[in-house]
Protein backbone atom coordinates (compact mmCIF):
# COMPACT_ATOMS: atom_id res chain seq x y z
CA MET A 1 0.00 0.00 0.00
CA SER A 2 2.81 2.35 0.85
CA THR A 3 4.49 1.55 -2.45
CA ALA A 4 1.43 2.66 -4.40
CA HIS A 5 1.19 5.86 -2.40
CA GLY A 6 4.84 6.64 -3.10
CA SER A 7 4.26 6.04 -6.79
CA ASP A 8 1.32 8.46 -6.81
CA THR A 9 3.43 11.10 -5.08
CA ARG A 10 6.13 10.78 -7.71
CA VAL A 11 3.58 11.32 -10.46
CA ARG A 12 2.08 14.37 -8.79
CA ARG A 13 5.50 15.94 -8.46
CA GLY A 14 6.05 15.59 -12.17
CA ILE A 15 8.91 13.10 -12.08
CA GLY A 16 9.27 11.72 -15.58
CA ASP A 17 7.46 14.64 -17.19
CA PRO A 18 9.24 16.18 -20.20
CA PRO A 19 11.05 19.46 -19.53
CA LEU A 20 9.39 22.72 -20.46
CA ARG A 21 11.61 23.33 -23.48
CA GLN A 22 10.33 20.08 -25.03
CA LEU A 23 6.73 21.23 -24.63
CA LEU A 24 7.30 24.63 -26.30
CA PRO A 25 8.23 25.15 -29.93
CA ALA A 26 11.88 25.93 -30.49
CA VAL A 27 11.09 29.45 -31.69
CA LEU A 28 9.55 30.32 -28.29
CA HIS A 29 12.29 29.09 -25.98
CA ALA A 30 15.24 30.08 -28.22
CA PRO A 31 15.57 33.61 -26.69
CA LEU A 32 15.87 32.04 -23.23
CA GLU A 33 18.58 29.51 -24.09
CA ALA A 34 22.13 29.96 -22.87
CA ARG A 35 23.33 29.13 -26.36
CA THR A 36 21.57 32.22 -27.74
CA TRP A 37 23.31 34.55 -25.33
CA ARG A 38 26.68 32.92 -25.90
CA GLU A 39 26.24 33.46 -29.64
CA LEU A 40 25.26 37.09 -29.06
CA LEU A 41 28.36 37.56 -26.90
CA TYR A 42 30.45 36.06 -29.70
CA VAL A 43 29.00 38.58 -32.16
CA VAL A 44 29.59 41.51 -29.80
CA LEU A 45 33.19 40.51 -29.16
CA SER A 46 33.88 39.85 -32.84
CA LEU A 47 33.93 43.55 -33.71
CA PRO A 48 36.70 44.71 -31.32
CA VAL A 49 38.59 41.44 -31.66
CA GLY A 50 38.32 41.52 -35.45
CA LEU A 51 39.41 45.16 -35.58
CA THR A 52 42.47 44.46 -33.42
CA MET A 53 43.51 41.46 -35.48
CA PHE A 54 42.89 43.31 -38.75
CA VAL A 55 45.00 46.32 -37.80
CA ILE A 56 47.93 44.26 -36.48
CA ALA A 57 47.90 41.86 -39.44
CA VAL A 58 47.66 44.64 -42.04
CA VAL A 59 50.41 46.75 -40.44
CA MET A 60 52.86 43.86 -39.99
CA THR A 61 52.31 42.21 -43.36
CA THR A 62 52.26 45.49 -45.27
CA LEU A 63 55.41 46.71 -43.55
CA GLY A 64 57.11 43.37 -44.09
CA ALA A 65 56.13 43.21 -47.77
CA SER A 66 57.32 46.79 -48.38
CA LEU A 67 60.73 46.01 -46.85
CA LEU A 68 61.30 42.76 -48.72
CA ILE A 69 63.65 44.53 -51.10
CA VAL A 70 66.14 45.13 -48.27
CA PHE A 71 65.53 41.67 -46.75
CA VAL A 72 64.49 43.19 -43.44
CA GLY A 73 60.91 42.55 -44.37
CA ILE A 74 61.36 38.75 -44.56
CA PRO A 75 61.62 38.14 -40.79
CA LEU A 76 59.01 40.86 -40.20
CA LEU A 77 56.59 39.12 -42.57
CA ALA A 78 57.27 35.78 -40.89
CA ALA A 79 56.62 37.37 -37.50
CA GLY A 80 53.33 38.76 -38.79
CA LEU A 81 52.30 35.29 -39.93
CA ALA A 82 53.27 33.89 -36.53
CA VAL A 83 51.10 36.51 -34.83
CA CYS A 84 48.21 35.50 -37.09
CA ARG A 85 48.69 31.87 -36.03
CA GLY A 86 48.50 33.05 -32.43
CA PHE A 87 45.24 34.82 -33.26
CA GLY A 88 44.03 31.52 -34.69
CA VAL A 89 44.60 29.75 -31.38
CA MET A 90 42.57 32.44 -29.62
CA GLU A 91 39.76 32.31 -32.18
CA ARG A 92 39.49 28.52 -32.06
CA GLU A 93 39.16 28.69 -28.30
CA ARG A 94 36.59 31.51 -28.52
CA ALA A 95 34.55 29.50 -31.02
CA ARG A 96 34.76 26.41 -28.80
CA VAL A 97 33.55 28.22 -25.68
CA LEU A 98 30.87 30.45 -27.20
CA LEU A 99 29.74 28.56 -30.32
CA GLY A 100 30.38 25.00 -29.24
CA LEU A 101 32.53 24.56 -32.37
CA ASP A 102 35.46 22.27 -31.65
CA VAL A 103 38.04 22.76 -34.41
CA ALA A 104 41.25 20.76 -34.24
CA ALA A 105 44.55 22.59 -34.40
CA PRO A 106 46.18 22.50 -37.84
CA ALA A 107 49.28 20.49 -38.60
CA ARG A 108 52.59 21.76 -37.34
CA MET A 109 55.01 23.43 -39.70
CA TRP A 110 57.06 21.10 -41.87
CA GLY A 111 60.82 20.98 -41.72
CA SER A 112 63.30 22.03 -39.07
CA THR A 113 62.47 25.07 -36.94
CA SER A 114 65.47 24.85 -34.60
CA GLY A 115 67.10 28.05 -35.81
CA PRO A 116 65.93 31.52 -36.93
CA LEU A 117 66.40 30.95 -40.67
CA PRO A 118 64.73 27.51 -40.79
CA TRP A 119 61.87 28.88 -38.68
CA ILE A 120 61.37 31.86 -41.01
CA TRP A 121 61.44 29.60 -44.08
CA ALA A 122 59.00 27.13 -42.53
CA MET A 123 56.64 29.95 -41.54
CA LEU A 124 56.65 31.55 -44.99
CA ARG A 125 56.04 28.32 -46.90
CA SER A 126 53.34 27.04 -44.56
CA GLY A 127 49.90 27.19 -46.11
CA VAL A 128 48.40 27.18 -42.61
CA SER A 129 50.08 30.51 -41.85
CA TRP A 130 48.65 32.17 -44.95
CA ARG A 131 45.19 30.79 -44.21
CA HIS A 132 45.39 32.34 -40.75
CA LEU A 133 46.36 35.65 -42.33
CA LEU A 134 43.37 35.41 -44.66
CA TYR A 135 41.12 34.78 -41.66
CA THR A 136 42.34 37.92 -39.87
CA LEU A 137 41.67 39.96 -43.02
CA LEU A 138 38.13 38.58 -43.45
CA ARG A 139 37.14 38.53 -39.79
CA PHE A 140 36.76 42.30 -39.38
CA PRO A 141 34.71 43.10 -42.53
CA TRP A 142 32.29 40.31 -41.72
CA ALA A 143 32.03 41.47 -38.10
CA VAL A 144 31.13 44.96 -39.39
CA ILE A 145 28.16 43.38 -41.18
CA VAL A 146 27.02 40.99 -38.45
CA PHE A 147 27.42 43.29 -35.42
CA PRO A 148 24.88 46.03 -36.40
CA VAL A 149 22.34 43.49 -37.66
CA ALA A 150 22.44 41.40 -34.48
CA VAL A 151 22.52 44.38 -32.13
CA ALA A 152 19.73 46.15 -34.03
CA PHE A 153 17.40 43.13 -33.90
CA TRP A 154 17.98 42.55 -30.20
CA THR A 155 17.94 46.22 -29.18
CA VAL A 156 14.88 47.25 -31.18
CA GLY A 157 13.08 44.05 -30.23
CA LEU A 158 13.68 44.39 -26.50
CA VAL A 159 12.89 48.13 -26.51
CA ALA A 160 9.64 47.59 -28.40
CA LEU A 161 8.68 44.55 -26.32
CA THR A 162 9.07 46.45 -23.05
CA TYR A 163 7.76 49.78 -24.37
CA PRO A 164 4.45 49.61 -22.39
CA LEU A 165 6.48 49.29 -19.18
CA TRP A 166 8.49 52.49 -19.54
CA GLN A 167 6.63 54.69 -22.06
CA TRP A 168 4.83 56.55 -19.25
CA ASN A 169 8.18 58.00 -18.19
CA ILE A 170 8.58 59.91 -21.47
CA PRO A 171 7.48 63.55 -21.14
CA THR A 172 4.33 64.26 -23.13
CA HIS A 173 6.03 67.00 -25.13
CA ALA A 174 9.19 65.01 -25.90
CA TRP A 175 8.08 63.98 -29.40
CA ASN A 176 6.14 67.09 -30.33
CA GLY A 177 7.37 69.20 -33.18
CA GLY A 178 7.34 72.45 -31.19
CA ILE A 179 7.82 75.75 -32.97
CA GLN A 180 9.34 75.11 -36.35
CA HIS A 181 10.98 77.75 -38.50
CA SER A 182 11.32 75.41 -41.47
CA GLY A 183 10.25 71.96 -42.59
CA ASP A 184 6.88 70.47 -43.49
CA GLY A 185 5.40 70.93 -40.02
CA ALA A 186 5.17 67.17 -39.28
CA ALA A 187 5.45 66.08 -35.65
CA PHE A 188 6.25 62.73 -34.11
CA HIS A 189 3.39 60.69 -32.75
CA ARG A 190 3.74 59.06 -29.36
CA PRO A 191 2.00 55.63 -29.22
CA ASP A 192 0.00 55.66 -26.01
CA SER A 193 -3.38 54.06 -26.73
CA PRO A 194 -3.91 50.43 -25.62
CA ALA A 195 -4.04 49.24 -29.22
CA GLU A 196 -0.81 51.05 -30.10
CA LEU A 197 0.93 49.74 -27.00
CA ALA A 198 -0.17 46.18 -27.80
CA ALA A 199 0.96 46.51 -31.44
CA THR A 200 4.36 47.89 -30.41
CA SER A 201 4.87 45.13 -27.87
CA ALA A 202 3.78 42.48 -30.40
CA LEU A 203 6.27 43.84 -32.95
CA GLY A 204 8.99 43.69 -30.30
CA LEU A 205 8.07 40.11 -29.45
CA VAL A 206 8.35 39.10 -33.10
CA LEU A 207 11.79 40.72 -33.36
CA VAL A 208 12.97 39.08 -30.14
CA LEU A 209 11.79 35.67 -31.35
CA LEU A 210 13.48 36.16 -34.72
CA ALA A 211 16.73 37.59 -33.37
CA PRO A 212 18.28 34.26 -32.20
CA TRP A 213 17.64 32.65 -35.57
CA ILE A 214 18.94 35.65 -37.51
CA VAL A 215 22.12 35.64 -35.44
CA ARG A 216 22.42 31.87 -35.75
CA GLY A 217 22.09 32.09 -39.51
CA LEU A 218 24.75 34.81 -39.74
CA LEU A 219 27.08 32.79 -37.53
CA THR A 220 27.03 30.01 -40.09
CA VAL A 221 29.56 32.07 -42.03
CA ASP A 222 31.67 32.47 -38.87
CA ARG A 223 31.64 28.72 -38.36
CA LEU A 224 32.77 28.18 -41.94
CA LEU A 225 35.55 30.74 -41.55
CA VAL A 226 36.87 29.16 -38.36
CA SER A 227 36.64 25.55 -39.51
CA GLY A 228 37.80 26.26 -43.06
CA LEU A 229 40.70 28.64 -42.38
CA LEU A 230 41.84 27.90 -38.82
CA GLY A 231 41.56 24.11 -38.78
CA PRO A 232 43.47 21.40 -40.61
CA SER A 233 43.20 21.51 -44.37
CA TRP A 234 41.24 18.81 -46.16
CA LEU A 235 44.48 17.43 -47.60
CA ALA A 236 46.15 17.24 -44.19
CA SER A 237 43.09 15.57 -42.68
CA ARG A 238 42.99 13.10 -45.54
CA VAL A 239 46.70 12.29 -45.14
CA SER A 240 46.19 11.71 -41.41
CA GLU A 241 43.19 9.49 -42.10
CA LEU A 242 45.12 7.46 -44.69
CA GLU A 243 48.03 7.03 -42.29
CA SER A 244 45.62 5.74 -39.66
CA ASP A 245 43.96 3.42 -42.18
CA ARG A 246 47.35 2.14 -43.29
CA GLY A 247 48.16 1.27 -39.69
CA VAL A 248 44.88 -0.61 -39.39
CA VAL A 249 45.56 -2.55 -42.59
CA VAL A 250 49.08 -3.46 -41.45
CA ASP A 251 47.84 -4.58 -38.03
CA THR A 252 45.02 -6.59 -39.62
CA ALA A 253 47.41 -8.30 -42.03
CA ALA A 254 49.78 -9.14 -39.17
CA ALA A 255 46.90 -10.54 -37.10
CA ASP A 256 45.76 -12.65 -40.06
CA LEU A 257 49.27 -14.03 -40.54
CA ARG A 258 49.47 -14.92 -36.85
CA ARG A 259 46.08 -16.62 -37.06
CA ILE A 260 47.10 -18.64 -40.11
CA GLU A 261 50.37 -19.66 -38.45
CA ARG A 262 48.54 -20.66 -35.28
CA ASP A 263 45.92 -22.65 -37.19
CA LEU A 264 48.62 -24.46 -39.17
CA HIS A 265 50.71 -25.20 -36.10
CA ASP A 266 47.86 -26.33 -33.86
CA GLY A 267 45.75 -27.99 -36.54
CA ALA A 268 46.95 -29.48 -39.78
CA GLN A 269 50.64 -29.54 -38.82
CA ALA A 270 49.99 -31.39 -35.58
CA ARG A 271 47.79 -33.92 -37.36
CA LEU A 272 50.41 -34.49 -40.07
CA VAL A 273 53.08 -35.08 -37.42
CA ALA A 274 50.82 -37.59 -35.68
CA LEU A 275 50.10 -39.15 -39.08
CA ALA A 276 53.81 -39.59 -39.82
CA MET A 277 54.39 -41.22 -36.43
CA GLY A 278 51.40 -43.52 -36.92
CA LEU A 279 52.58 -44.60 -40.35
CA GLY A 280 56.07 -45.25 -38.95
CA LEU A 281 54.63 -47.54 -36.27
CA ALA A 282 52.42 -49.27 -38.83
CA LYS A 283 55.48 -49.90 -41.02
CA GLU A 284 57.28 -51.56 -38.10
CA LYS A 285 54.27 -53.78 -37.29
CA LEU A 286 53.51 -54.66 -40.90
CA ALA A 287 55.61 -57.85 -40.84
CA ASP A 288 54.87 -59.02 -37.27
CA ASP A 289 51.22 -57.96 -36.83
CA PRO A 290 49.51 -57.17 -40.15
CA GLU A 291 46.10 -56.71 -38.55
CA ALA A 292 47.37 -54.07 -36.08
CA ALA A 293 49.24 -52.36 -38.93
CA ALA A 294 46.04 -52.29 -40.99
CA ARG A 295 44.14 -50.69 -38.10
CA MET A 296 46.85 -48.06 -37.71
CA ILE A 297 46.80 -47.35 -41.44
CA GLU A 298 43.02 -46.98 -41.27
CA GLU A 299 43.38 -44.48 -38.40
CA ALA A 300 46.02 -42.60 -40.39
CA HIS A 301 43.63 -42.43 -43.33
CA GLY A 302 41.05 -40.78 -41.10
CA GLU A 303 43.65 -38.30 -39.86
CA VAL A 304 44.50 -37.45 -43.48
CA LYS A 305 40.85 -36.66 -44.20
CA ILE A 306 40.60 -34.42 -41.14
CA ALA A 307 43.85 -32.64 -42.02
CA LEU A 308 42.63 -32.05 -45.57
CA GLN A 309 39.37 -30.59 -44.26
CA GLU A 310 41.28 -28.27 -41.92
CA LEU A 311 43.48 -27.15 -44.81
CA ARG A 312 40.38 -26.49 -46.92
CA ASP A 313 38.87 -24.41 -44.11
CA LEU A 314 42.12 -22.51 -43.72
CA ALA A 315 42.31 -21.82 -47.44
CA ARG A 316 38.69 -20.72 -47.41
CA GLY A 317 39.54 -18.31 -44.59
CA ILE A 318 42.34 -16.80 -46.68
CA HIS A 319 40.39 -16.45 -49.92
CA PRO A 320 37.75 -18.99 -50.95
CA ALA A 321 37.98 -20.43 -54.44
CA VAL A 322 34.21 -20.14 -54.94
CA LEU A 323 34.48 -16.35 -54.49
CA THR A 324 37.10 -16.09 -57.22
CA ASP A 325 35.31 -18.46 -59.58
CA ARG A 326 31.61 -17.57 -59.12
CA GLY A 327 31.41 -14.26 -57.24
CA LEU A 328 29.62 -13.01 -54.15
CA ASP A 329 26.27 -14.71 -54.73
CA ALA A 330 27.65 -18.26 -54.66
CA ALA A 331 30.25 -17.48 -51.98
CA LEU A 332 27.70 -15.95 -49.61
CA SER A 333 25.31 -18.84 -50.20
CA ALA A 334 28.10 -21.19 -49.17
CA ILE A 335 28.62 -19.21 -45.95
CA ALA A 336 24.89 -19.21 -45.25
CA SER A 337 24.70 -22.99 -45.62
CA ARG A 338 27.20 -23.37 -42.74
CA CYS A 339 25.30 -21.02 -40.41
CA THR A 340 23.47 -22.58 -37.46
CA VAL A 341 20.17 -20.85 -38.41
CA PRO A 342 18.35 -20.68 -41.76
CA VAL A 343 19.69 -17.77 -43.81
CA THR A 344 18.11 -16.13 -46.86
CA VAL A 345 20.60 -14.61 -49.30
CA GLU A 346 19.63 -11.95 -51.86
CA VAL A 347 22.38 -10.53 -54.10
CA ASP A 348 21.36 -7.88 -56.65
CA LEU A 349 24.50 -6.87 -58.54
CA ASP A 350 24.78 -6.25 -62.26
CA ALA A 351 28.59 -6.57 -62.18
CA ARG A 352 31.38 -7.73 -59.89
CA PRO A 353 33.44 -5.29 -57.83
CA VAL A 354 37.22 -5.50 -57.75
CA GLN A 355 38.68 -8.45 -55.88
CA ALA A 356 39.76 -6.39 -52.85
CA ILE A 357 36.26 -4.99 -52.25
CA GLU A 358 34.67 -8.34 -53.04
CA GLY A 359 36.93 -10.06 -50.52
CA ILE A 360 36.16 -7.50 -47.79
CA ALA A 361 32.43 -7.87 -48.46
CA TYR A 362 32.72 -11.65 -48.21
CA PHE A 363 34.61 -11.62 -44.92
CA THR A 364 32.27 -8.96 -43.52
CA VAL A 365 29.23 -11.15 -44.10
CA SER A 366 31.16 -14.18 -42.82
CA GLU A 367 32.01 -12.40 -39.56
CA LEU A 368 28.45 -11.16 -39.09
CA LEU A 369 26.95 -14.60 -39.69
CA GLN A 370 29.40 -16.07 -37.18
CA ASN A 371 28.10 -13.53 -34.67
CA VAL A 372 24.56 -14.67 -35.46
CA SER A 373 25.55 -18.29 -34.85
CA LYS A 374 27.45 -17.62 -31.61
CA HIS A 375 25.66 -14.73 -29.89
CA ALA A 376 22.30 -13.80 -31.42
CA ARG A 377 20.10 -16.77 -30.34
CA ALA A 378 18.16 -16.18 -33.54
CA THR A 379 15.80 -18.49 -35.42
CA ARG A 380 16.41 -17.02 -38.86
CA ALA A 381 18.62 -14.47 -40.62
CA SER A 382 18.93 -12.78 -43.99
CA VAL A 383 21.72 -11.33 -46.11
CA ASP A 384 21.02 -8.61 -48.68
CA VAL A 385 23.62 -7.22 -51.08
CA TRP A 386 22.96 -4.44 -53.58
CA ARG A 387 24.62 -1.52 -55.28
CA THR A 388 23.63 2.13 -54.85
CA ALA A 389 25.42 4.55 -57.17
CA ASP A 390 29.11 4.15 -56.30
CA ARG A 391 28.58 2.20 -53.05
CA LEU A 392 28.26 -1.51 -52.33
CA MET A 393 25.69 -2.13 -49.61
CA LEU A 394 25.52 -5.19 -47.34
CA GLN A 395 22.89 -5.85 -44.71
CA VAL A 396 22.74 -8.82 -42.34
CA SER A 397 19.54 -9.11 -40.27
CA ASP A 398 18.41 -11.57 -37.63
CA ASP A 399 15.51 -11.95 -35.19
CA GLY A 400 17.75 -12.65 -32.20
CA ARG A 401 18.02 -11.05 -28.77
CA GLY A 402 19.70 -7.84 -30.00
CA GLY A 403 21.96 -5.67 -27.89
CA ALA A 404 24.89 -5.89 -30.29
CA ALA A 405 27.24 -2.91 -30.43
CA ALA A 406 30.77 -2.08 -31.49
CA GLY A 407 33.15 -2.94 -28.68
CA MET A 408 31.20 -5.99 -27.54
CA ALA A 409 31.91 -9.63 -28.27
CA GLY A 410 31.90 -10.71 -31.87
CA GLY A 411 34.65 -8.52 -33.27
CA LEU A 412 32.41 -5.69 -34.47
CA THR A 413 35.02 -3.10 -33.51
CA GLY A 414 37.69 -4.80 -35.60
CA LEU A 415 35.20 -5.20 -38.44
CA ALA A 416 34.39 -1.48 -38.34
CA GLU A 417 38.11 -0.67 -38.45
CA ARG A 418 38.61 -2.91 -41.49
CA LEU A 419 35.78 -1.21 -43.33
CA ASP A 420 37.06 2.22 -42.35
CA ALA A 421 40.44 1.36 -43.86
CA VAL A 422 38.80 1.33 -47.31
CA ASP A 423 36.42 4.27 -46.66
CA GLY A 424 33.65 1.93 -45.62
CA ILE A 425 31.02 2.37 -42.89
CA LEU A 426 29.47 -0.06 -40.42
CA VAL A 427 26.06 0.87 -38.94
CA ILE A 428 24.58 -1.27 -36.15
CA ASP A 429 20.88 -1.16 -35.28
CA SER A 430 20.36 -3.65 -32.48
CA PRO A 431 17.94 -2.67 -29.70
CA GLU A 432 17.60 -4.91 -26.67
CA GLY A 433 15.23 -7.72 -27.54
CA GLY A 434 16.00 -7.47 -31.25
CA PRO A 435 15.79 -7.57 -34.14
CA THR A 436 19.33 -6.74 -35.26
CA LYS A 437 20.30 -5.07 -38.53
CA VAL A 438 23.95 -4.51 -39.36
CA THR A 439 24.57 -2.50 -42.52
CA ALA A 440 27.98 -2.24 -44.16
CA GLU A 441 28.76 0.26 -46.86
CA LEU A 442 31.79 -0.13 -49.13
CA PRO A 443 33.05 1.93 -52.04
CA TRP A 444 32.21 0.40 -55.41
CA ARG A 445 35.17 -0.15 -57.65
CA GLY A 446 34.31 -2.17 -60.72
């Protein structure tokens, strides 16, 4: 009884109710969000910060360029670029704190920077340095555009929204034309009727509700400037990604070699050694005890069959002959026939991809079906393969218990790394209780 009462109390207090911001449209709670005020602070600071960076960058680079003829300008120009890189550090941090934009630091300068001359040369030939200079030159003009727009929307909106609260404090003659010696005789009108006050406040409310989105739209350009000019270049990011992928490929190849060596040593090799010993004993007994020798030869024949099967499985694990001869459809059907649950295979390809992609697709499905057999507790599964534009799509589904995720048992993390090494993607949709859908996407190379 007390348990039910406690449950009712929890409901009355609103535990489990959605927060207020989820009940209101985004346009209504946007002016109250901390993000909105951080973005406004970013805009306000951008004008003085941009002006300071612009003046320093223009003075140092212009002075350095004008003195290049006497070589004094070379170190001055390099120093100006170094100052711009320092500005970049500050701007990345400002964007991270106020905009929530986390931009990685660009690559370090190439070459030796141990002495003054190598440092100057590395600074001048660094594309990162010149991109930072370009940022300092573009930051101020854009801030001149964004600052008045953002401030005008917020100021006019808040003034108009609160106008009924403070309009009574304006002297009645403040907006009158007074005695005019020239002009058309027009005088300002002071809104003071209830309808005019309501209309003014409504206009202010509209401006206040629009202001966060106007500022957010303008800051899209700021985000592009910071990420495009102050972060790593696309080429540097791609080189880093390829280096990481190369490491994954090398580690995977080494792991495969160790697996093959272990399987040979513990499997077929051990059986062949036992076979040789058994045949040696049978040879010794052949004259004295032909029946015992025959039994030993029969046992050795069985060992030969098992060793051959292990060698076939090992060869299939390296690269199955059916994949080379007949393609993915037949190879995946062969995998499905060895699965512990019924598997439906659908392959819709009008051509064959290159052998490398075909092999990765084969081993991806093989690994996923092994997971189904070992962990899923499923009653049926399906494999679908199709091509979409320049991508090869694989999807393995089962009706098992679900809960699969990268990092858990089954090698999904290693599988994701293998796919990433060739610009592939692994997407896992496996809620608790199932069903599970694992989709792999590979680049198509015909």
